Amino acid sequence: GTLRSRGIAPGDRVGLVLPNVPAFPILFYGAL
């Protein structure tokens, strides 16, 4: 929901620069 509110549209690229921490799966599946 946050990504949509910031103008991220389907197909836009979102980057993750994280190690193996809970934020990774949260952000990964959030972007998907």
PDB file of all heavy atoms in Angstrom:
ATOM      1  N   GLY A   1       0.818  -1.212   0.000  1.00  0.00           N
ATOM      2  CA  GLY A   1       0.000   0.000   0.000  1.00  0.00           C
ATOM      3  C   GLY A   1       0.848   1.256   0.000  1.00  0.00           C
ATOM      4  O   GLY A   1       0.514   2.249  -0.670  1.00  0.00           O
ATOM      5  N   THR A   2       1.956   1.210   0.736  1.00  0.00           N
ATOM      6  CA  THR A   2       2.868   2.353   0.783  1.00  0.00           C
ATOM      7  C   THR A   2       3.494   2.602  -0.585  1.00  0.00           C
ATOM      8  O   THR A   2       3.599   3.757  -1.039  1.00  0.00           O
ATOM      9  CB  THR A   2       3.970   2.108   1.831  1.00  0.00           C
ATOM     10  OG1 THR A   2       3.356   1.908   3.110  1.00  0.00           O
ATOM     11  CG2 THR A   2       4.943   3.267   1.895  1.00  0.00           C
ATOM     12  N   LEU A   3       3.908   1.532  -1.255  1.00  0.00           N
ATOM     13  CA  LEU A   3       4.500   1.679  -2.583  1.00  0.00           C
ATOM     14  C   LEU A   3       3.499   2.296  -3.563  1.00  0.00           C
ATOM     15  O   LEU A   3       3.844   3.177  -4.360  1.00  0.00           O
ATOM     16  CB  LEU A   3       4.989   0.323  -3.102  1.00  0.00           C
ATOM     17  CG  LEU A   3       6.188  -0.283  -2.362  1.00  0.00           C
ATOM     18  CD1 LEU A   3       6.498  -1.675  -2.887  1.00  0.00           C
ATOM     19  CD2 LEU A   3       7.416   0.612  -2.489  1.00  0.00           C
ATOM     20  N   ARG A   4       2.265   1.828  -3.503  1.00  0.00           N
ATOM     21  CA  ARG A   4       1.241   2.396  -4.394  1.00  0.00           C
ATOM     22  C   ARG A   4       1.041   3.872  -4.099  1.00  0.00           C
ATOM     23  O   ARG A   4       0.942   4.694  -5.027  1.00  0.00           O
ATOM     24  CB  ARG A   4      -0.074   1.644  -4.240  1.00  0.00           C
ATOM     25  CG  ARG A   4      -1.200   2.243  -5.073  1.00  0.00           C
ATOM     26  CD  ARG A   4      -2.486   1.458  -4.922  1.00  0.00           C
ATOM     27  NE  ARG A   4      -2.430   0.189  -5.635  1.00  0.00           N
ATOM     28  CZ  ARG A   4      -3.408  -0.719  -5.594  1.00  0.00           C
ATOM     29  NH1 ARG A   4      -4.496  -0.506  -4.860  1.00  0.00           N
ATOM     30  NH2 ARG A   4      -3.290  -1.856  -6.262  1.00  0.00           N
ATOM     31  N   SER A   5       0.999   4.232  -2.807  1.00  0.00           N
ATOM     32  CA  SER A   5       0.780   5.633  -2.447  1.00  0.00           C
ATOM     33  C   SER A   5       1.941   6.518  -2.889  1.00  0.00           C
ATOM     34  O   SER A   5       1.780   7.733  -3.043  1.00  0.00           O
ATOM     35  CB  SER A   5       0.566   5.761  -0.937  1.00  0.00           C
ATOM     36  OG  SER A   5       1.782   5.572  -0.226  1.00  0.00           O
ATOM     37  N   ARG A   6       3.108   5.912  -3.093  1.00  0.00           N
ATOM     38  CA  ARG A   6       4.279   6.666  -3.548  1.00  0.00           C
ATOM     39  C   ARG A   6       4.455   6.601  -5.057  1.00  0.00           C
ATOM     40  O   ARG A   6       5.514   6.949  -5.588  1.00  0.00           O
ATOM     41  CB  ARG A   6       5.536   6.153  -2.845  1.00  0.00           C
ATOM     42  CG  ARG A   6       5.525   6.445  -1.344  1.00  0.00           C
ATOM     43  CD  ARG A   6       6.787   5.993  -0.657  1.00  0.00           C
ATOM     44  NE  ARG A   6       6.762   6.313   0.771  1.00  0.00           N
ATOM     45  CZ  ARG A   6       7.725   6.013   1.619  1.00  0.00           C
ATOM     46  NH1 ARG A   6       8.812   5.376   1.195  1.00  0.00           N
ATOM     47  NH2 ARG A   6       7.622   6.331   2.895  1.00  0.00           N
ATOM     48  N   GLY A   7       3.441   6.101  -5.742  1.00  0.00           N
ATOM     49  CA  GLY A   7       3.448   6.137  -7.198  1.00  0.00           C
ATOM     50  C   GLY A   7       4.097   4.956  -7.880  1.00  0.00           C
ATOM     51  O   GLY A   7       4.319   4.988  -9.095  1.00  0.00           O
ATOM     52  N   ILE A   8       4.411   3.895  -7.136  1.00  0.00           N
ATOM     53  CA  ILE A   8       4.993   2.696  -7.760  1.00  0.00           C
ATOM     54  C   ILE A   8       3.888   1.942  -8.490  1.00  0.00           C
ATOM     55  O   ILE A   8       2.902   1.515  -7.886  1.00  0.00           O
ATOM     56  CB  ILE A   8       5.656   1.789  -6.714  1.00  0.00           C
ATOM     57  CG1 ILE A   8       6.734   2.550  -5.945  1.00  0.00           C
ATOM     58  CG2 ILE A   8       6.238   0.532  -7.378  1.00  0.00           C
ATOM     59  CD1 ILE A   8       7.870   3.068  -6.787  1.00  0.00           C
ATOM     60  N   ALA A   9       4.052   1.789  -9.780  1.00  0.00           N
ATOM     61  CA  ALA A   9       3.043   1.126 -10.617  1.00  0.00           C
ATOM     62  C   ALA A   9       3.486  -0.295 -10.938  1.00  0.00           C
ATOM     63  O   ALA A   9       4.670  -0.633 -10.830  1.00  0.00           O
ATOM     64  CB  ALA A   9       2.845   1.916 -11.904  1.00  0.00           C
ATOM     65  N   PRO A  10       2.541  -1.178 -11.338  1.00  0.00           N
ATOM     66  CA  PRO A  10       2.913  -2.529 -11.757  1.00  0.00           C
ATOM     67  C   PRO A  10       3.995  -2.491 -12.829  1.00  0.00           C
ATOM     68  O   PRO A  10       3.902  -1.719 -13.791  1.00  0.00           O
ATOM     69  CB  PRO A  10       1.601  -3.101 -12.282  1.00  0.00           C
ATOM     70  CG  PRO A  10       0.551  -2.386 -11.504  1.00  0.00           C
ATOM     71  CD  PRO A  10       1.078  -0.984 -11.350  1.00  0.00           C
ATOM     72  N   GLY A  11       5.020  -3.310 -12.630  1.00  0.00           N
ATOM     73  CA  GLY A  11       6.130  -3.354 -13.573  1.00  0.00           C
ATOM     74  C   GLY A  11       7.299  -2.470 -13.208  1.00  0.00           C
ATOM     75  O   GLY A  11       8.404  -2.646 -13.732  1.00  0.00           O
ATOM     76  N   ASP A  12       7.076  -1.479 -12.309  1.00  0.00           N
ATOM     77  CA  ASP A  12       8.192  -0.648 -11.856  1.00  0.00           C
ATOM     78  C   ASP A  12       9.181  -1.496 -11.065  1.00  0.00           C
ATOM     79  O   ASP A  12       8.811  -2.489 -10.440  1.00  0.00           O
ATOM     80  CB  ASP A  12       7.691   0.489 -10.960  1.00  0.00           C
ATOM     81  CG  ASP A  12       7.014   1.601 -11.754  1.00  0.00           C
ATOM     82  OD1 ASP A  12       7.077   1.566 -12.992  1.00  0.00           O
ATOM     83  OD2 ASP A  12       6.416   2.493 -11.111  1.00  0.00           O
ATOM     84  N   ARG A  13      10.449  -1.085 -11.078  1.00  0.00           N
ATOM     85  CA  ARG A  13      11.482  -1.838 -10.375  1.00  0.00           C
ATOM     86  C   ARG A  13      11.728  -1.252  -8.988  1.00  0.00           C
ATOM     87  O   ARG A  13      11.869  -0.037  -8.835  1.00  0.00           O
ATOM     88  CB  ARG A  13      12.797  -1.840 -11.156  1.00  0.00           C
ATOM     89  CG  ARG A  13      12.882  -2.924 -12.229  1.00  0.00           C
ATOM     90  CD  ARG A  13      12.023  -2.623 -13.426  1.00  0.00           C
ATOM     91  NE  ARG A  13      12.458  -1.412 -14.089  1.00  0.00           N
ATOM     92  CZ  ARG A  13      11.669  -0.651 -14.851  1.00  0.00           C
ATOM     93  NH1 ARG A  13      10.387  -0.974 -15.025  1.00  0.00           N
ATOM     94  NH2 ARG A  13      12.126   0.453 -15.431  1.00  0.00           N
ATOM     95  N   VAL A  14      11.766  -2.144  -7.998  1.00  0.00           N
ATOM     96  CA  VAL A  14      12.040  -1.761  -6.616  1.00  0.00           C
ATOM     97  C   VAL A  14      13.254  -2.547  -6.138  1.00  0.00           C
ATOM     98  O   VAL A  14      13.295  -3.776  -6.265  1.00  0.00           O
ATOM     99  CB  VAL A  14      10.827  -2.050  -5.703  1.00  0.00           C
ATOM    100  CG1 VAL A  14      11.187  -1.846  -4.236  1.00  0.00           C
ATOM    101  CG2 VAL A  14       9.647  -1.167  -6.093  1.00  0.00           C
ATOM    102  N   GLY A  15      14.252  -1.858  -5.593  1.00  0.00           N
ATOM    103  CA  GLY A  15      15.492  -2.511  -5.185  1.00  0.00           C
ATOM    104  C   GLY A  15      15.513  -2.869  -3.716  1.00  0.00           C
ATOM    105  O   GLY A  15      14.913  -2.188  -2.879  1.00  0.00           O
ATOM    106  N   LEU A  16      16.206  -3.961  -3.397  1.00  0.00           N
ATOM    107  CA  LEU A  16      16.430  -4.382  -2.018  1.00  0.00           C
ATOM    108  C   LEU A  16      17.923  -4.596  -1.814  1.00  0.00           C
ATOM    109  O   LEU A  16      18.534  -5.395  -2.520  1.00  0.00           O
ATOM    110  CB  LEU A  16      15.699  -5.696  -1.703  1.00  0.00           C
ATOM    111  CG  LEU A  16      14.184  -5.787  -1.908  1.00  0.00           C
ATOM    112  CD1 LEU A  16      13.687  -7.156  -1.437  1.00  0.00           C
ATOM    113  CD2 LEU A  16      13.472  -4.678  -1.168  1.00  0.00           C
ATOM    114  N   VAL A  17      18.498  -3.880  -0.839  1.00  0.00           N
ATOM    115  CA  VAL A  17      19.910  -4.062  -0.502  1.00  0.00           C
ATOM    116  C   VAL A  17      19.953  -4.435   0.970  1.00  0.00           C
ATOM    117  O   VAL A  17      20.212  -3.612   1.840  1.00  0.00           O
ATOM    118  CB  VAL A  17      20.727  -2.786  -0.779  1.00  0.00           C
ATOM    119  CG1 VAL A  17      22.231  -3.075  -0.652  1.00  0.00           C
ATOM    120  CG2 VAL A  17      20.428  -2.238  -2.172  1.00  0.00           C
ATOM    121  N   LEU A  18      19.647  -5.708   1.246  1.00  0.00           N
ATOM    122  CA  LEU A  18      19.529  -6.170   2.626  1.00  0.00           C
ATOM    123  C   LEU A  18      20.125  -7.559   2.799  1.00  0.00           C
ATOM    124  O   LEU A  18      20.103  -8.366   1.864  1.00  0.00           O
ATOM    125  CB  LEU A  18      18.056  -6.236   3.057  1.00  0.00           C
ATOM    126  CG  LEU A  18      17.242  -4.957   3.065  1.00  0.00           C
ATOM    127  CD1 LEU A  18      16.355  -4.917   1.827  1.00  0.00           C
ATOM    128  CD2 LEU A  18      16.373  -4.885   4.304  1.00  0.00           C
ATOM    129  N   PRO A  19      20.604  -7.856   4.009  1.00  0.00           N
ATOM    130  CA  PRO A  19      21.034  -9.222   4.330  1.00  0.00           C
ATOM    131  C   PRO A  19      19.822 -10.071   4.709  1.00  0.00           C
ATOM    132  O   PRO A  19      18.666  -9.645   4.510  1.00  0.00           O
ATOM    133  CB  PRO A  19      21.967  -9.017   5.527  1.00  0.00           C
ATOM    134  CG  PRO A  19      21.385  -7.832   6.231  1.00  0.00           C
ATOM    135  CD  PRO A  19      20.814  -6.937   5.149  1.00  0.00           C
ATOM    136  N   ASN A  20      20.069 -11.239   5.275  1.00  0.00           N
ATOM    137  CA  ASN A  20      18.973 -12.131   5.673  1.00  0.00           C
ATOM    138  C   ASN A  20      18.378 -11.692   7.004  1.00  0.00           C
ATOM    139  O   ASN A  20      18.722 -12.201   8.062  1.00  0.00           O
ATOM    140  CB  ASN A  20      19.482 -13.578   5.785  1.00  0.00           C
ATOM    141  CG  ASN A  20      19.751 -14.191   4.433  1.00  0.00           C
ATOM    142  OD1 ASN A  20      19.815 -13.492   3.433  1.00  0.00           O
ATOM    143  ND2 ASN A  20      19.914 -15.499   4.399  1.00  0.00           N
ATOM    144  N   VAL A  21      17.492 -10.735   6.930  1.00  0.00           N
ATOM    145  CA  VAL A  21      16.766 -10.224   8.089  1.00  0.00           C
ATOM    146  C   VAL A  21      15.285 -10.197   7.732  1.00  0.00           C
ATOM    147  O   VAL A  21      14.930 -10.231   6.545  1.00  0.00           O
ATOM    148  CB  VAL A  21      17.255  -8.814   8.488  1.00  0.00           C
ATOM    149  CG1 VAL A  21      18.689  -8.874   9.021  1.00  0.00           C
ATOM    150  CG2 VAL A  21      17.158  -7.839   7.312  1.00  0.00           C
ATOM    151  N   PRO A  22      14.371 -10.151   8.725  1.00  0.00           N
ATOM    152  CA  PRO A  22      12.939 -10.196   8.420  1.00  0.00           C
ATOM    153  C   PRO A  22      12.462  -9.114   7.457  1.00  0.00           C
ATOM    154  O   PRO A  22      11.481  -9.312   6.727  1.00  0.00           O
ATOM    155  CB  PRO A  22      12.298 -10.021   9.802  1.00  0.00           C
ATOM    156  CG  PRO A  22      13.286 -10.632  10.739  1.00  0.00           C
ATOM    157  CD  PRO A  22      14.631 -10.250  10.181  1.00  0.00           C
ATOM    158  N   ALA A  23      13.146  -7.972   7.418  1.00  0.00           N
ATOM    159  CA  ALA A  23      12.749  -6.916   6.491  1.00  0.00           C
ATOM    160  C   ALA A  23      12.788  -7.396   5.043  1.00  0.00           C
ATOM    161  O   ALA A  23      12.002  -6.924   4.211  1.00  0.00           O
ATOM    162  CB  ALA A  23      13.654  -5.697   6.665  1.00  0.00           C
ATOM    163  N   PHE A  24      13.690  -8.327   4.726  1.00  0.00           N
ATOM    164  CA  PHE A  24      13.804  -8.776   3.337  1.00  0.00           C
ATOM    165  C   PHE A  24      12.510  -9.430   2.849  1.00  0.00           C
ATOM    166  O   PHE A  24      11.937  -8.978   1.843  1.00  0.00           O
ATOM    167  CB  PHE A  24      15.007  -9.717   3.143  1.00  0.00           C
ATOM    168  CG  PHE A  24      15.291 -10.026   1.695  1.00  0.00           C
ATOM    169  CD1 PHE A  24      16.387  -9.458   1.050  1.00  0.00           C
ATOM    170  CD2 PHE A  24      14.465 -10.870   0.957  1.00  0.00           C
ATOM    171  CE1 PHE A  24      16.649  -9.733  -0.288  1.00  0.00           C
ATOM    172  CE2 PHE A  24      14.718 -11.156  -0.380  1.00  0.00           C
ATOM    173  CZ  PHE A  24      15.800 -10.583  -1.003  1.00  0.00           C
ATOM    174  N   PRO A  25      12.013 -10.501   3.489  1.00  0.00           N
ATOM    175  CA  PRO A  25      10.764 -11.092   2.992  1.00  0.00           C
ATOM    176  C   PRO A  25       9.577 -10.138   3.052  1.00  0.00           C
ATOM    177  O   PRO A  25       8.698 -10.188   2.182  1.00  0.00           O
ATOM    178  CB  PRO A  25      10.552 -12.312   3.886  1.00  0.00           C
ATOM    179  CG  PRO A  25      11.471 -12.154   5.037  1.00  0.00           C
ATOM    180  CD  PRO A  25      12.595 -11.303   4.579  1.00  0.00           C
ATOM    181  N   ILE A  26       9.549  -9.251   4.050  1.00  0.00           N
ATOM    182  CA  ILE A  26       8.454  -8.281   4.128  1.00  0.00           C
ATOM    183  C   ILE A  26       8.451  -7.371   2.906  1.00  0.00           C
ATOM    184  O   ILE A  26       7.421  -7.173   2.246  1.00  0.00           O
ATOM    185  CB  ILE A  26       8.578  -7.449   5.424  1.00  0.00           C
ATOM    186  CG1 ILE A  26       8.283  -8.310   6.653  1.00  0.00           C
ATOM    187  CG2 ILE A  26       7.640  -6.249   5.386  1.00  0.00           C
ATOM    188  CD1 ILE A  26       8.604  -7.624   7.973  1.00  0.00           C
ATOM    189  N   LEU A  27       9.615  -6.814   2.578  1.00  0.00           N
ATOM    190  CA  LEU A  27       9.721  -5.902   1.440  1.00  0.00           C
ATOM    191  C   LEU A  27       9.596  -6.635   0.111  1.00  0.00           C
ATOM    192  O   LEU A  27       8.995  -6.125  -0.841  1.00  0.00           O
ATOM    193  CB  LEU A  27      11.053  -5.148   1.512  1.00  0.00           C
ATOM    194  CG  LEU A  27      11.232  -4.229   2.726  1.00  0.00           C
ATOM    195  CD1 LEU A  27      12.668  -3.732   2.803  1.00  0.00           C
ATOM    196  CD2 LEU A  27      10.254  -3.066   2.677  1.00  0.00           C
ATOM    197  N   PHE A  28      10.167  -7.835   0.031  1.00  0.00           N
ATOM    198  CA  PHE A  28      10.103  -8.622  -1.199  1.00  0.00           C
ATOM    199  C   PHE A  28       8.658  -8.920  -1.572  1.00  0.00           C
ATOM    200  O   PHE A  28       8.206  -8.611  -2.694  1.00  0.00           O
ATOM    201  CB  PHE A  28      10.896  -9.924  -1.020  1.00  0.00           C
ATOM    202  CG  PHE A  28      10.860 -10.837  -2.213  1.00  0.00           C
ATOM    203  CD1 PHE A  28      11.644 -10.590  -3.322  1.00  0.00           C
ATOM    204  CD2 PHE A  28      10.036 -11.962  -2.227  1.00  0.00           C
ATOM    205  CE1 PHE A  28      11.617 -11.433  -4.435  1.00  0.00           C
ATOM    206  CE2 PHE A  28      10.002 -12.812  -3.320  1.00  0.00           C
ATOM    207  CZ  PHE A  28      10.789 -12.543  -4.430  1.00  0.00           C
ATOM    208  N   TYR A  29       7.907  -9.495  -0.638  1.00  0.00           N
ATOM    209  CA  TYR A  29       6.524  -9.831  -0.951  1.00  0.00           C
ATOM    210  C   TYR A  29       5.639  -8.594  -1.011  1.00  0.00           C
ATOM    211  O   TYR A  29       4.634  -8.566  -1.738  1.00  0.00           O
ATOM    212  CB  TYR A  29       5.988 -10.867   0.049  1.00  0.00           C
ATOM    213  CG  TYR A  29       6.396 -12.263  -0.333  1.00  0.00           C
ATOM    214  CD1 TYR A  29       7.449 -12.901   0.313  1.00  0.00           C
ATOM    215  CD2 TYR A  29       5.761 -12.933  -1.373  1.00  0.00           C
ATOM    216  CE1 TYR A  29       7.857 -14.173  -0.061  1.00  0.00           C
ATOM    217  CE2 TYR A  29       6.152 -14.197  -1.757  1.00  0.00           C
ATOM    218  CZ  TYR A  29       7.202 -14.821  -1.102  1.00  0.00           C
ATOM    219  OH  TYR A  29       7.602 -16.083  -1.481  1.00  0.00           O
ATOM    220  N   GLY A  30       6.026  -7.535  -0.289  1.00  0.00           N
ATOM    221  CA  GLY A  30       5.281  -6.289  -0.405  1.00  0.00           C
ATOM    222  C   GLY A  30       5.371  -5.707  -1.810  1.00  0.00           C
ATOM    223  O   GLY A  30       4.370  -5.274  -2.391  1.00  0.00           O
ATOM    224  N   ALA A  31       6.582  -5.709  -2.366  1.00  0.00           N
ATOM    225  CA  ALA A  31       6.763  -5.199  -3.725  1.00  0.00           C
ATOM    226  C   ALA A  31       6.000  -6.059  -4.732  1.00  0.00           C
ATOM    227  O   ALA A  31       5.366  -5.547  -5.668  1.00  0.00           O
ATOM    228  CB  ALA A  31       8.253  -5.166  -4.073  1.00  0.00           C
ATOM    229  N   LEU A  32       6.031  -7.385  -4.552  1.00  0.00           N
ATOM    230  CA  LEU A  32       5.300  -8.272  -5.461  1.00  0.00           C
ATOM    231  C   LEU A  32       3.794  -8.049  -5.358  1.00  0.00           C
ATOM    232  O   LEU A  32       3.088  -8.041  -6.381  1.00  0.00           O
ATOM    233  CB  LEU A  32       5.633  -9.732  -5.156  1.00  0.00           C
ATOM    234  CG  LEU A  32       7.050 -10.205  -5.471  1.00  0.00           C
ATOM    235  CD1 LEU A  32       7.222 -11.659  -5.047  1.00  0.00           C
ATOM    236  CD2 LEU A  32       7.375 -10.046  -6.949  1.00  0.00           C
TER     237      LEU A  32
END
